[in-house]
C-alpha cells in the first residue's frame, strides 16, 4: 500500500517493519548491464560497501551464457562482437584477439594464434571480422567480477517496484528467494541503474497458437529454449526441420545440423521459410548491405559507425521522426559474414538438403503420423497453398523486448506516467537518464541501459560496447553532480586503474584472489560443455 503513492516517505518505510537496505548506488537487474555500470563505479573510486546489486542470477553473465548455450553457441564457438568489446575491460586493451593470440601461442596452437593476429590487422577488407570465443568472454568476466568484489555487492532478489521518495532518493521493493518471513524488503538509494534485459522468449503468433491448442512444446520450440532433444533425435534418426528466422541464431543452428550430417551421417533436411525473398539489402546514403541466398550480411547487428562514428552523432542529434527513419534504415535482421556459414548454405542448396521456401504462414497443425504441418499461403491466391511437413519447427526470431512484457518496467511507466521513445521503450536522455524519474531538483537520478532503451539516442544499446557506452555516459553525469566517492577518471587515474586491472588488483589496491596466466590475462575455464566440432565457427 505504501507504493500506491507517487512519492513515498522513508520514515513510513522504516516503520513498516520490513528490512531496509540503504546505499548510494543501486543496480537493478544483476546481469551484464549492471556489471559494466558497477565496474565503472568501482574504477571511479566508489567502495564496494556503497554499491548494491539486486538480481536473481549468481553471475552477471549467467542468463546470457544460458541463452548462448541453448541457441547453439557453446564455449568454443564465437560471439558476434569484436576484439575491443570487452565487458571486463573498459579500456579495450588488450582486446580478446591479443589475449587469444597470447594464450594460443604459449599452449602451442600457433595456427589459431596466427589467425587471430591476421584478422585484427586485416579486417574487414582482407579478412572476416575477429570475434571472441564465448568461453573466453565469460571467463574474463568472472575474473573482473572477483576483482571488483561482485559477490559482496550482489543481493539475490526479484525487484517488484520503484518509487521516488520525499527526500530525493528512490525506494525499491523487492523479494528474496527464500521462505523466510522477511523475504519482502526495501532498498533506498540516491542513484539507481535499471538494466533488466529481455523479459522472455518470443514465439511467432502461429507457433504460439499451436502450442496453446496442442500443448506440444517438444516439436515446436524457440531457439533460446532448452531443446537438446531435437538434435539428439535428429542425429540418431534424421528428419526434417522447418526453420523460421534469418539472424545469427539461424546460422548457428544450420551449422549444428550440418555437423550432425557430417559427423553422424544423419539424413537431415532443412526447409527455411521466409515471407518474401530478399532481393536487395537495406541501404543508407549509397551504402547497401550485401545479400546472398536470401541472407543479409553485416559484421555486427548495427553498422559499425553506430557505436562511435558519424552515425552515433547523427542519431543523437535527430528528432523523433528522423530517428525512427534512421533506425529502420540501419536495422533489420542480419547475420555475420562468415565463410563457413556461406559454404554450408551453398552446399545444402546444391545437394538439396537445404531449401528456401517463400510464403505467408496461415496456421500450424499436427499430422496423423506425429509430425508438424506448416500451412503456407502464397502471396497471390489462396490456390498457392502449400504444406510443409516436418519433425520439428525451430523459431529463431529472437526474444521479447517490449517494456510492456516486463512487469517492473510496465509498472514504472504506468505509475509515473513516463513517456516512450519512437519504438515504445523507455525515453532516456543522451546520458541515459530516464526522463520523468528525477527525484527532487538536486536529488536522485535514475538511469537505464540495454534493450529497454532501444529507440533512444544510441542504436547498439544491446551489445557489449553499447552497455559500456551507456554506463560511461551515466557515470560521467553522476560525476558532474559530485556524487559520493565518485572521482573523475583523469589520464593519470585511468593509467593507474589499468595497471591494477592488468595486475588483478582490486580498484582499491588489494590483490584479487583470481588465478591466471599473467597478462594478457586469461581466466580459468568453467565446466566443460558438449562439443560437436573441433572447428570453431
Protein backbone atom coordinates (compact mmCIF):
# COMPACT_ATOMS: atom_id res chain seq x y z
CA UNK A 1 0.00 0.00 0.00
CA UNK A 2 2.90 2.38 0.64
CA UNK A 3 3.81 2.15 -3.04
CA UNK A 4 0.41 3.32 -4.22
CA UNK A 5 1.52 6.92 -3.64
CA UNK A 6 3.51 8.88 -6.22
CA UNK A 7 6.12 9.74 -3.59
CA UNK A 8 6.77 7.56 -0.55
CA UNK A 9 8.09 8.57 2.87
CA UNK A 10 11.32 7.00 4.08
CA UNK A 11 10.01 7.22 7.67
CA UNK A 12 6.94 5.21 6.64
CA UNK A 13 9.17 2.57 5.06
CA UNK A 14 11.24 2.29 8.24
CA UNK A 15 8.09 1.98 10.35
CA UNK A 16 6.68 -0.69 8.03
CA UNK A 17 8.75 -3.38 9.74
CA UNK A 18 10.38 -4.86 6.64
CA UNK A 19 14.20 -4.86 6.32
CA UNK A 20 15.57 -1.72 4.65
CA UNK A 21 18.84 -1.63 2.71
CA UNK A 22 20.30 1.87 2.29
CA UNK A 23 23.09 2.60 -0.18
CA UNK A 24 24.36 5.31 -2.51
CA UNK A 25 24.30 3.33 -5.78
CA UNK A 26 21.83 0.60 -6.65
CA UNK A 27 21.95 -1.61 -9.76
CA UNK A 28 18.69 -3.34 -10.65
CA UNK A 29 18.95 -6.42 -12.84
CA UNK A 30 22.19 -8.12 -11.88
CA UNK A 31 23.19 -9.00 -15.46
CA UNK A 32 25.81 -7.68 -17.83
CA UNK A 33 24.28 -4.18 -17.91
CA UNK A 34 24.52 -3.94 -14.14
CA UNK A 35 28.00 -5.42 -14.19
CA UNK A 36 29.59 -2.87 -16.53
CA UNK A 37 27.94 0.02 -14.63
CA UNK A 38 29.21 -1.26 -11.28
CA UNK A 39 32.63 -1.91 -12.81
CA UNK A 40 32.90 1.75 -13.83
CA UNK A 41 31.77 2.91 -10.40
CA UNK A 42 34.45 0.79 -8.75
CA UNK A 43 37.12 2.07 -11.15
CA UNK A 44 35.85 5.58 -10.40
CA UNK A 45 36.64 5.13 -6.71
CA UNK A 46 33.32 4.06 -5.19
CA UNK A 47 33.88 1.45 -2.46
CA UNK A 48 32.04 -1.84 -2.72
CA UNK A 49 30.13 -1.22 0.51
CA UNK A 50 28.38 1.80 -1.06
CA UNK A 51 27.06 -0.20 -4.03
CA UNK A 52 24.27 -2.78 -4.01
CA UNK A 53 23.11 -5.05 -6.83
CA UNK A 54 19.66 -6.65 -6.97
CA UNK A 55 19.23 -9.63 -9.27
CA UNK A 56 18.45 -13.34 -9.38
CA UNK A 57 21.48 -14.70 -11.26
CA UNK A 58 24.61 -15.80 -9.42
CA UNK A 59 26.98 -14.44 -12.08
CA UNK A 60 26.49 -11.36 -14.26
CA UNK A 61 26.74 -13.47 -17.42
CA UNK A 62 24.65 -16.43 -16.20
CA UNK A 63 21.50 -15.72 -18.19
CA UNK A 64 23.35 -14.59 -21.30
CA UNK A 65 25.55 -17.68 -21.19
CA UNK A 66 22.49 -19.89 -20.81
CA UNK A 67 20.86 -18.30 -23.85
CA UNK A 68 24.07 -18.76 -25.82
CA UNK A 69 24.31 -22.44 -25.00
CA UNK A 70 20.66 -23.10 -25.81
CA UNK A 71 20.97 -21.25 -29.13
CA UNK A 72 23.96 -23.42 -30.08
CA UNK A 73 26.84 -21.14 -29.08
CA UNK A 74 28.85 -23.24 -26.59
CA UNK A 75 32.16 -22.17 -25.07
CA UNK A 76 34.30 -22.97 -28.12
CA UNK A 77 32.08 -21.06 -30.58
CA UNK A 78 32.30 -17.35 -31.29
CA UNK A 79 30.02 -14.45 -30.40
CA UNK A 80 29.05 -11.53 -32.63
CA UNK A 81 31.28 -8.86 -31.11
CA UNK A 82 34.76 -7.58 -31.89
CA UNK A 83 38.09 -7.78 -30.12
CA UNK A 84 37.76 -4.44 -28.33
CA UNK A 85 34.25 -5.00 -26.94
CA UNK A 86 35.39 -6.22 -23.54
CA UNK A 87 32.83 -6.18 -20.70
CA UNK A 88 35.67 -6.91 -18.28
CA UNK A 89 37.93 -4.09 -19.51
CA UNK A 90 36.67 -0.54 -20.13
CA UNK A 91 39.93 0.37 -21.90
CA UNK A 92 39.55 -2.36 -24.52
CA UNK A 93 43.26 -3.21 -24.36
CA UNK A 94 44.40 -5.85 -24.58
CA UNK A 95 41.40 -6.98 -26.59
CA UNK A 96 40.22 -10.54 -26.94
CA UNK A 97 42.22 -11.12 -30.13
CA UNK A 98 45.50 -10.21 -28.42
CA UNK A 99 44.64 -12.34 -25.40
CA UNK A 100 43.69 -15.30 -27.60
CA UNK A 101 46.90 -14.98 -29.63
CA UNK A 102 48.96 -14.82 -26.43
CA UNK A 103 47.23 -17.81 -24.87
CA UNK A 104 47.33 -19.99 -28.00
CA UNK A 105 50.98 -19.17 -28.62
CA UNK A 106 52.03 -20.39 -25.20
CA UNK A 107 49.91 -23.53 -25.49
CA UNK A 108 51.44 -24.41 -28.84
CA UNK A 109 48.44 -23.63 -31.07
CA UNK A 110 50.34 -21.33 -33.41
CA UNK A 111 47.85 -21.60 -36.28
CA UNK A 112 44.98 -20.36 -34.09
CA UNK A 113 47.16 -17.57 -32.73
CA UNK A 114 48.19 -16.61 -36.24
CA UNK A 115 44.58 -16.42 -37.43
CA UNK A 116 43.68 -14.08 -34.59
CA UNK A 117 46.61 -11.77 -35.39
CA UNK A 118 45.88 -11.90 -39.13
CA UNK A 119 42.27 -10.88 -38.58
CA UNK A 120 42.88 -7.89 -36.34
CA UNK A 121 45.42 -6.46 -38.80
CA UNK A 122 43.40 -7.17 -41.94
CA UNK A 123 39.71 -6.91 -41.02
CA UNK A 124 37.38 -6.22 -42.67
CA UNK A 125 38.99 -5.79 -46.12
CA UNK A 126 41.22 -8.85 -46.35
CA UNK A 127 39.79 -10.96 -43.53
CA UNK A 128 36.46 -11.51 -41.83
CA UNK A 129 35.98 -9.61 -38.59
CA UNK A 130 37.52 -11.18 -35.50
CA UNK A 131 35.03 -12.40 -32.91
CA UNK A 132 35.88 -13.84 -29.48
CA UNK A 133 35.02 -17.31 -28.21
CA UNK A 134 32.14 -17.19 -25.77
CA UNK A 135 34.01 -19.18 -23.14
CA UNK A 136 36.87 -16.68 -23.15
CA UNK A 137 34.44 -13.79 -22.65
CA UNK A 138 32.63 -15.44 -19.74
CA UNK A 139 35.87 -16.47 -18.05
CA UNK A 140 37.25 -12.92 -18.28
CA UNK A 141 34.06 -11.52 -16.73
CA UNK A 142 34.46 -13.96 -13.84
CA UNK A 143 37.96 -12.61 -13.20
CA UNK A 144 36.80 -8.98 -13.23
CA UNK A 145 33.78 -9.77 -11.04
CA UNK A 146 36.11 -11.21 -8.41
CA UNK A 147 38.47 -8.24 -8.74
CA UNK A 148 35.76 -5.65 -8.05
CA UNK A 149 34.02 -7.66 -5.32
CA UNK A 150 30.82 -8.51 -7.19
CA UNK A 151 29.71 -11.13 -4.68
CA UNK A 152 29.97 -8.60 -1.83
CA UNK A 153 27.59 -6.24 -3.62
CA UNK A 154 25.11 -8.77 -5.03
CA UNK A 155 21.82 -9.41 -3.27
CA UNK A 156 19.65 -12.24 -4.66
CA UNK A 157 16.35 -10.52 -5.35
CA UNK A 158 13.40 -10.00 -7.66
CA UNK A 159 12.57 -6.31 -7.89
CA UNK A 160 8.84 -5.52 -7.80
CA UNK A 161 8.53 -1.74 -8.00
CA UNK A 162 10.48 1.53 -7.83
CA UNK A 163 9.16 4.80 -6.36
CA UNK A 164 10.52 8.27 -5.66
CA UNK A 165 10.99 9.23 -2.02
CA UNK A 166 10.20 12.50 -0.32
CA UNK A 167 13.88 13.16 0.43
CA UNK A 168 15.01 12.99 -3.20
CA UNK A 169 16.01 9.34 -3.40
CA UNK A 170 14.38 6.13 -4.63
CA UNK A 171 12.67 3.28 -2.82
CA UNK A 172 12.79 -0.18 -4.34
CA UNK A 173 10.51 -3.01 -3.24
CA UNK A 174 11.94 -6.47 -3.76
CA UNK A 175 11.64 -10.05 -2.59
CA UNK A 176 14.42 -12.51 -1.89
CA UNK A 177 14.28 -16.19 -2.99
CA UNK A 178 13.63 -17.69 0.42
CA UNK A 179 10.71 -18.82 2.55
CA UNK A 180 11.79 -16.64 5.46
CA UNK A 181 9.11 -14.28 6.85
CA UNK A 182 11.24 -11.24 5.99
CA UNK A 183 11.53 -12.08 2.29
CA UNK A 184 9.77 -8.82 1.34
CA UNK A 185 12.21 -5.93 1.68
CA UNK A 186 13.04 -2.37 0.66
CA UNK A 187 16.16 -0.73 -0.72
CA UNK A 188 16.78 3.04 -0.73
CA UNK A 189 19.38 4.73 -2.93
CA UNK A 190 20.14 8.09 -4.48
CA UNK A 191 21.33 6.69 -7.80
CA UNK A 192 19.56 3.76 -9.45
CA UNK A 193 20.53 1.95 -12.63
CA UNK A 194 17.98 -0.30 -14.36
CA UNK A 195 19.23 -2.99 -16.77
CA UNK A 196 16.83 -5.91 -16.71
CA UNK A 197 17.40 -7.36 -20.19
CA UNK A 198 14.82 -9.30 -22.15
CA UNK A 199 11.60 -10.34 -20.35
CA UNK A 200 11.50 -13.75 -22.06
CA UNK A 201 11.44 -15.74 -25.28
CA UNK A 202 9.27 -14.77 -28.22
CA UNK A 203 7.25 -17.20 -30.29
CA UNK A 204 5.70 -16.30 -33.61
CA UNK A 205 1.93 -15.93 -33.29
CA UNK A 206 1.05 -19.05 -35.29
CA UNK A 207 3.52 -21.14 -33.30
CA UNK A 208 2.21 -19.79 -30.01
CA UNK A 209 -1.34 -20.67 -31.06
CA UNK A 210 -0.23 -24.20 -31.97
CA UNK A 211 1.44 -24.74 -28.59
CA UNK A 212 -1.56 -23.39 -26.70
CA UNK A 213 -4.00 -25.60 -28.60
CA UNK A 214 -1.94 -28.81 -28.57
CA UNK A 215 0.33 -28.47 -25.54
CA UNK A 216 3.19 -29.62 -27.75
CA UNK A 217 6.39 -27.91 -26.58
CA UNK A 218 8.73 -30.61 -27.92
CA UNK A 219 8.25 -30.34 -31.68
CA UNK A 220 7.72 -26.57 -31.87
CA UNK A 221 10.44 -24.75 -29.94
CA UNK A 222 12.13 -21.39 -29.70
CA UNK A 223 15.87 -21.49 -30.36
CA UNK A 224 16.55 -19.85 -26.98
CA UNK A 225 14.69 -22.60 -25.10
CA UNK A 226 16.39 -25.77 -23.95
CA UNK A 227 15.85 -28.10 -26.92
CA UNK A 228 18.76 -30.52 -26.95
CA UNK A 229 16.31 -33.37 -27.55
CA UNK A 230 15.83 -32.05 -31.08
CA UNK A 231 19.48 -32.57 -32.02
CA UNK A 232 19.69 -35.90 -30.19
CA UNK A 233 16.73 -37.25 -32.15
CA UNK A 234 17.87 -35.81 -35.50
CA UNK A 235 21.42 -37.07 -35.02
CA UNK A 236 20.08 -40.56 -34.32
CA UNK A 237 17.19 -40.88 -36.76
CA UNK A 238 17.43 -37.95 -39.16
CA UNK A 239 14.38 -35.89 -40.07
CA UNK A 240 13.08 -32.61 -41.43
CA UNK A 241 13.25 -29.20 -39.75
CA UNK A 242 11.32 -26.07 -40.64
CA UNK A 243 13.43 -23.06 -39.73
CA UNK A 244 11.91 -19.62 -39.06
CA UNK A 245 14.10 -16.52 -38.81
CA UNK A 246 17.23 -15.31 -40.65
CA UNK A 247 19.57 -13.99 -37.97
CA UNK A 248 22.78 -15.28 -36.46
CA UNK A 249 20.97 -17.90 -34.36
CA UNK A 250 19.55 -19.43 -37.53
CA UNK A 251 23.10 -19.56 -38.91
CA UNK A 252 24.31 -21.35 -35.80
CA UNK A 253 21.51 -23.90 -35.97
CA UNK A 254 22.25 -24.62 -39.63
CA UNK A 255 25.87 -25.21 -38.62
CA UNK A 256 24.75 -27.62 -35.89
CA UNK A 257 22.55 -29.55 -38.32
CA UNK A 258 25.35 -29.57 -40.92
CA UNK A 259 27.74 -31.02 -38.32
CA UNK A 260 25.22 -33.76 -37.44
CA UNK A 261 25.01 -34.67 -41.11
CA UNK A 262 28.79 -34.72 -41.42
CA UNK A 263 29.70 -36.45 -38.16
CA UNK A 264 26.81 -38.91 -37.79
CA UNK A 265 25.69 -39.34 -41.36
CA UNK A 266 22.19 -38.28 -40.38
CA UNK A 267 19.70 -37.60 -43.19
CA UNK A 268 18.59 -34.15 -42.01
CA UNK A 269 16.67 -31.78 -44.26
CA UNK A 270 16.08 -28.08 -43.63
CA UNK A 271 13.15 -26.09 -45.02
CA UNK A 272 13.96 -22.43 -44.38
CA UNK A 273 10.79 -20.37 -44.55
CA UNK A 274 10.70 -16.69 -45.49
CA UNK A 275 7.75 -14.36 -46.04
CA UNK A 276 9.42 -12.86 -49.09
CA UNK A 277 12.75 -13.24 -50.84
CA UNK A 278 15.29 -10.54 -50.03
CA UNK A 279 16.41 -9.18 -53.39
CA UNK A 280 18.35 -6.19 -52.06
CA UNK A 281 19.75 -5.39 -48.64
CA UNK A 282 18.98 -2.31 -46.55
CA UNK A 283 20.70 0.82 -47.82
CA UNK A 284 21.64 4.21 -46.44
CA UNK A 285 23.39 7.07 -48.25
CA UNK A 286 24.66 4.85 -51.03
CA UNK A 287 25.83 2.02 -48.78
CA UNK A 288 23.92 -1.24 -49.27
CA UNK A 289 24.18 -4.41 -47.22
CA UNK A 290 25.25 -7.48 -49.17
CA UNK A 291 22.77 -10.29 -49.70
CA UNK A 292 23.20 -13.85 -50.90
CA UNK A 293 20.71 -16.73 -50.96
CA UNK A 294 18.18 -14.61 -49.04
CA UNK A 295 20.66 -13.86 -46.22
CA UNK A 296 21.57 -10.26 -45.41
CA UNK A 297 25.13 -9.87 -44.14
CA UNK A 298 26.68 -7.43 -41.67
CA UNK A 299 29.56 -7.99 -39.22
CA UNK A 300 27.56 -6.73 -36.23
CA UNK A 301 23.89 -6.17 -35.51
CA UNK A 302 24.26 -2.46 -36.44
CA UNK A 303 26.57 -0.62 -38.83
CA UNK A 304 29.89 -0.09 -37.06
CA UNK A 305 29.64 3.72 -37.22
CA UNK A 306 26.65 3.50 -34.84
CA UNK A 307 28.99 2.71 -31.97
CA UNK A 308 31.40 5.62 -32.13
CA UNK A 309 31.35 7.11 -35.62
CA UNK A 310 29.29 9.64 -37.51
CA UNK A 311 26.07 7.63 -37.25
CA UNK A 312 26.19 7.87 -33.45
CA UNK A 313 26.25 11.66 -33.60
CA UNK A 314 23.59 11.71 -36.31
CA UNK A 315 21.17 9.62 -34.24
CA UNK A 316 21.75 11.52 -31.00
CA UNK A 317 21.06 14.87 -32.70
CA UNK A 318 17.98 13.69 -34.62
CA UNK A 319 14.33 14.38 -33.88
CA UNK A 320 11.76 11.65 -33.30
CA UNK A 321 10.67 11.14 -36.91
CA UNK A 322 14.19 11.24 -38.29
CA UNK A 323 15.35 8.90 -35.53
CA UNK A 324 12.66 6.37 -36.41
CA UNK A 325 13.64 6.52 -40.09
CA UNK A 326 17.34 6.10 -39.29
CA UNK A 327 16.80 3.08 -37.06
CA UNK A 328 14.62 1.47 -39.71
CA UNK A 329 17.27 2.02 -42.39
CA UNK A 330 20.15 0.76 -40.25
CA UNK A 331 18.34 -2.14 -38.59
CA UNK A 332 16.75 -5.33 -39.80
CA UNK A 333 17.63 -8.98 -39.46
CA UNK A 334 21.21 -9.79 -40.49
CA UNK A 335 23.79 -12.46 -39.88
CA UNK A 336 27.57 -12.36 -39.74
CA UNK A 337 29.52 -12.77 -42.97
CA UNK A 338 31.40 -15.97 -42.17
CA UNK A 339 32.84 -18.04 -44.99
CA UNK A 340 31.98 -21.42 -43.48
CA UNK A 341 28.34 -20.44 -43.00
CA UNK A 342 28.07 -19.33 -46.61
CA UNK A 343 29.66 -22.56 -47.79
CA UNK A 344 27.21 -24.66 -45.75
CA UNK A 345 24.22 -22.90 -47.32
CA UNK A 346 25.62 -23.25 -50.84
CA UNK A 347 26.43 -26.91 -50.23
CA UNK A 348 22.94 -27.52 -48.85
CA UNK A 349 21.27 -25.88 -51.83
CA UNK A 350 23.39 -27.88 -54.28
CA UNK A 351 22.79 -31.19 -52.51
CA UNK A 352 19.12 -30.46 -51.85
CA UNK A 353 19.03 -30.96 -48.08
CA UNK A 354 18.69 -27.20 -47.52
CA UNK A 355 15.80 -25.45 -49.28
CA UNK A 356 14.40 -21.92 -49.12
CA UNK A 357 10.61 -21.70 -49.20
CA UNK A 358 8.63 -18.49 -49.63
CA UNK A 359 5.15 -17.74 -48.35
CA UNK A 360 2.97 -16.49 -45.52
CA UNK A 361 2.05 -18.95 -42.77
CA UNK A 362 -1.69 -19.46 -42.40
CA UNK A 363 -1.56 -21.89 -39.49
CA UNK A 364 0.36 -24.80 -37.97
CA UNK A 365 -1.27 -28.14 -37.15
CA UNK A 366 -0.32 -31.66 -36.06
CA UNK A 367 -0.43 -34.52 -38.56
CA UNK A 368 -1.74 -38.03 -38.11
CA UNK A 369 1.77 -39.51 -38.27
CA UNK A 370 3.12 -37.35 -35.44
CA UNK A 371 4.68 -34.56 -37.45
CA UNK A 372 4.03 -30.81 -37.55
CA UNK A 373 2.46 -29.27 -40.64
CA UNK A 374 3.01 -25.65 -41.64
CA UNK A 375 0.30 -24.44 -44.00
CA UNK A 376 1.78 -21.71 -46.19
CA UNK A 377 -0.29 -19.40 -48.36
CA UNK A 378 1.26 -17.80 -51.42
CA UNK A 379 1.19 -14.05 -51.88
CA UNK A 380 -1.18 -14.06 -54.91
CA UNK A 381 -4.03 -16.50 -54.46
CA UNK A 382 -5.30 -18.97 -51.91
CA UNK A 383 -4.72 -21.72 -54.50
CA UNK A 384 -0.99 -21.30 -53.95
CA UNK A 385 -1.34 -23.02 -50.57
CA UNK A 386 1.47 -25.40 -49.69
CA UNK A 387 2.05 -27.81 -46.83
CA UNK A 388 5.43 -28.22 -45.17
CA UNK A 389 5.52 -31.35 -43.01
CA UNK A 390 8.44 -31.60 -40.58
CA UNK A 391 9.59 -33.36 -37.45
CA UNK A 392 10.41 -30.05 -35.75
CA UNK A 393 9.88 -26.32 -36.16
CA UNK A 394 12.62 -24.07 -34.76
CA UNK A 395 11.73 -20.42 -34.16
CA UNK A 396 14.88 -18.28 -34.45
CA UNK A 397 13.14 -14.90 -34.44
CA UNK A 398 14.52 -13.76 -31.10
CA UNK A 399 13.37 -12.64 -27.67
CA UNK A 400 10.62 -10.43 -26.28
CA UNK A 401 11.94 -6.87 -25.94
CA UNK A 402 8.90 -4.66 -25.26
CA UNK A 403 8.72 -2.97 -21.87
CA UNK A 404 5.03 -3.88 -21.54
CA UNK A 405 6.15 -7.51 -21.30
CA UNK A 406 8.28 -6.76 -18.24
CA UNK A 407 6.26 -6.26 -15.01
CA UNK A 408 8.79 -3.90 -13.42
CA UNK A 409 9.18 -1.66 -16.48
CA UNK A 410 5.45 -1.65 -17.18
CA UNK A 411 4.73 -0.58 -13.59
CA UNK A 412 7.45 2.07 -13.76
CA UNK A 413 6.00 3.66 -16.91
CA UNK A 414 2.35 3.42 -15.88
CA UNK A 415 2.72 4.56 -12.27
CA UNK A 416 4.96 7.54 -13.03
CA UNK A 417 3.35 8.44 -16.33
CA UNK A 418 6.62 8.22 -18.23
CA UNK A 419 6.95 8.96 -21.91
CA UNK A 420 8.15 6.49 -24.50
CA UNK A 421 10.63 6.77 -27.33
CA UNK A 422 9.97 6.18 -31.04
CA UNK A 423 9.99 2.40 -30.54
CA UNK A 424 7.76 2.43 -27.46
CA UNK A 425 10.53 1.85 -24.96
CA UNK A 426 11.98 3.94 -22.11
CA UNK A 427 12.58 7.56 -23.06
CA UNK A 428 16.13 8.36 -21.99
CA UNK A 429 18.37 11.41 -22.36
CA UNK A 430 21.79 11.19 -24.10
CA UNK A 431 23.32 10.35 -20.70
CA UNK A 432 20.70 7.57 -20.34
CA UNK A 433 18.81 9.23 -17.51
CA UNK A 434 15.16 8.13 -17.61
CA UNK A 435 13.15 11.24 -18.39
CA UNK A 436 10.48 11.92 -15.78
CA UNK A 437 12.16 9.92 -13.00
CA UNK A 438 14.33 12.64 -11.46
CA UNK A 439 13.72 12.63 -7.71
CA UNK A 440 13.94 16.20 -6.45
CA UNK A 441 15.67 19.13 -8.13
CA UNK A 442 19.13 18.22 -6.78
CA UNK A 443 18.30 14.75 -5.60
CA UNK A 444 18.38 11.29 -7.14
CA UNK A 445 18.87 10.20 -10.70
CA UNK A 446 17.70 7.02 -12.39
CA UNK A 447 19.44 5.59 -15.43
CA UNK A 448 18.68 2.71 -17.77
CA UNK A 449 20.62 0.51 -20.18
CA UNK A 450 20.08 -2.32 -22.61
CA UNK A 451 17.24 -3.23 -24.92
CA UNK A 452 14.71 -1.30 -22.80
CA UNK A 453 16.23 1.92 -24.23
CA UNK A 454 16.28 0.83 -27.90
CA UNK A 455 14.86 3.67 -29.98
CA UNK A 456 16.66 6.35 -28.00
CA UNK A 457 19.81 8.37 -28.73
CA UNK A 458 22.04 5.31 -29.27
CA UNK A 459 21.39 2.37 -31.58
CA UNK A 460 23.53 -0.59 -30.39
CA UNK A 461 22.35 -0.47 -26.77
CA UNK A 462 22.07 -4.25 -26.62
CA UNK A 463 25.75 -5.03 -27.18
CA UNK A 464 28.87 -5.29 -25.02
CA UNK A 465 30.23 -1.96 -26.18
CA UNK A 466 26.77 -0.40 -26.08
CA UNK A 467 26.36 -1.35 -22.42
CA UNK A 468 29.77 0.13 -21.66
CA UNK A 469 28.96 3.31 -23.55
CA UNK A 470 25.69 3.87 -21.69
CA UNK A 471 27.40 3.13 -18.38
CA UNK A 472 30.16 5.63 -19.13
CA UNK A 473 27.67 8.36 -20.08
CA UNK A 474 25.67 7.88 -16.88
CA UNK A 475 28.76 7.67 -14.65
CA UNK A 476 30.14 10.85 -16.24
CA UNK A 477 26.81 12.57 -15.50
CA UNK A 478 26.89 11.45 -11.86
CA UNK A 479 30.48 12.59 -11.51
CA UNK A 480 29.45 16.10 -12.58
CA UNK A 481 26.89 16.02 -9.76
CA UNK A 482 29.73 15.38 -7.29
CA UNK A 483 28.28 12.02 -6.36
CA UNK A 484 29.66 10.36 -3.21
CA UNK A 485 33.15 8.87 -3.63
CA UNK A 486 32.96 9.04 -7.44
CA UNK A 487 36.08 10.60 -8.94
CA UNK A 488 36.82 11.83 -12.43
CA UNK A 489 38.76 9.29 -14.50
CA UNK A 490 41.65 11.54 -15.47
CA UNK A 491 44.55 10.35 -17.61
CA UNK A 492 46.68 9.61 -14.56
CA UNK A 493 43.90 7.84 -12.68
CA UNK A 494 42.94 5.87 -15.77
CA UNK A 495 46.54 4.69 -16.23
CA UNK A 496 46.77 3.70 -12.58
CA UNK A 497 43.50 1.80 -12.70
CA UNK A 498 44.52 -0.01 -15.87
CA UNK A 499 47.70 -1.18 -14.13
CA UNK A 500 45.58 -2.52 -11.27
CA UNK A 501 43.38 -4.28 -13.80
CA UNK A 502 46.40 -5.85 -15.53
CA UNK A 503 47.88 -6.96 -12.18
CA UNK A 504 44.50 -8.23 -10.97
CA UNK A 505 44.39 -5.92 -8.01
CA UNK A 506 41.07 -4.55 -6.88
CA UNK A 507 40.32 -0.90 -7.73
CA UNK A 508 41.06 -0.18 -4.06
CA UNK A 509 44.53 -1.66 -4.46
CA UNK A 510 44.12 -5.09 -2.84
CA UNK A 511 45.26 -8.21 -4.64
CA UNK A 512 42.48 -10.27 -6.24
CA UNK A 513 42.34 -13.96 -5.43
CA UNK A 514 41.79 -14.95 -9.06
CA UNK A 515 44.27 -17.33 -10.59
CA UNK A 516 45.64 -16.77 -14.05
CA UNK A 517 48.39 -16.99 -16.60
CA UNK A 518 49.64 -13.43 -16.37
CA UNK A 519 48.97 -10.54 -18.71
CA UNK A 520 47.44 -10.50 -21.23
CA UNK A 521 45.21 -12.19 -18.73
CA UNK A 522 43.26 -15.37 -19.37
CA UNK A 523 40.73 -16.65 -16.90
CA UNK A 524 40.23 -20.26 -15.85
CA UNK A 525 37.63 -22.19 -17.79
CA UNK A 526 34.22 -23.13 -16.43
CA UNK A 527 32.68 -26.60 -16.63
CA UNK A 528 33.17 -28.48 -19.88
CA UNK A 529 30.22 -28.46 -22.26
CA UNK A 530 29.39 -30.84 -25.09
CA UNK A 531 31.40 -30.10 -28.20
CA UNK A 532 30.08 -31.10 -31.59
CA UNK A 533 33.00 -29.95 -33.68
CA UNK A 534 36.62 -29.14 -33.07
CA UNK A 535 36.40 -26.34 -35.62
CA UNK A 536 35.09 -23.00 -34.32
CA UNK A 537 32.57 -21.06 -36.39
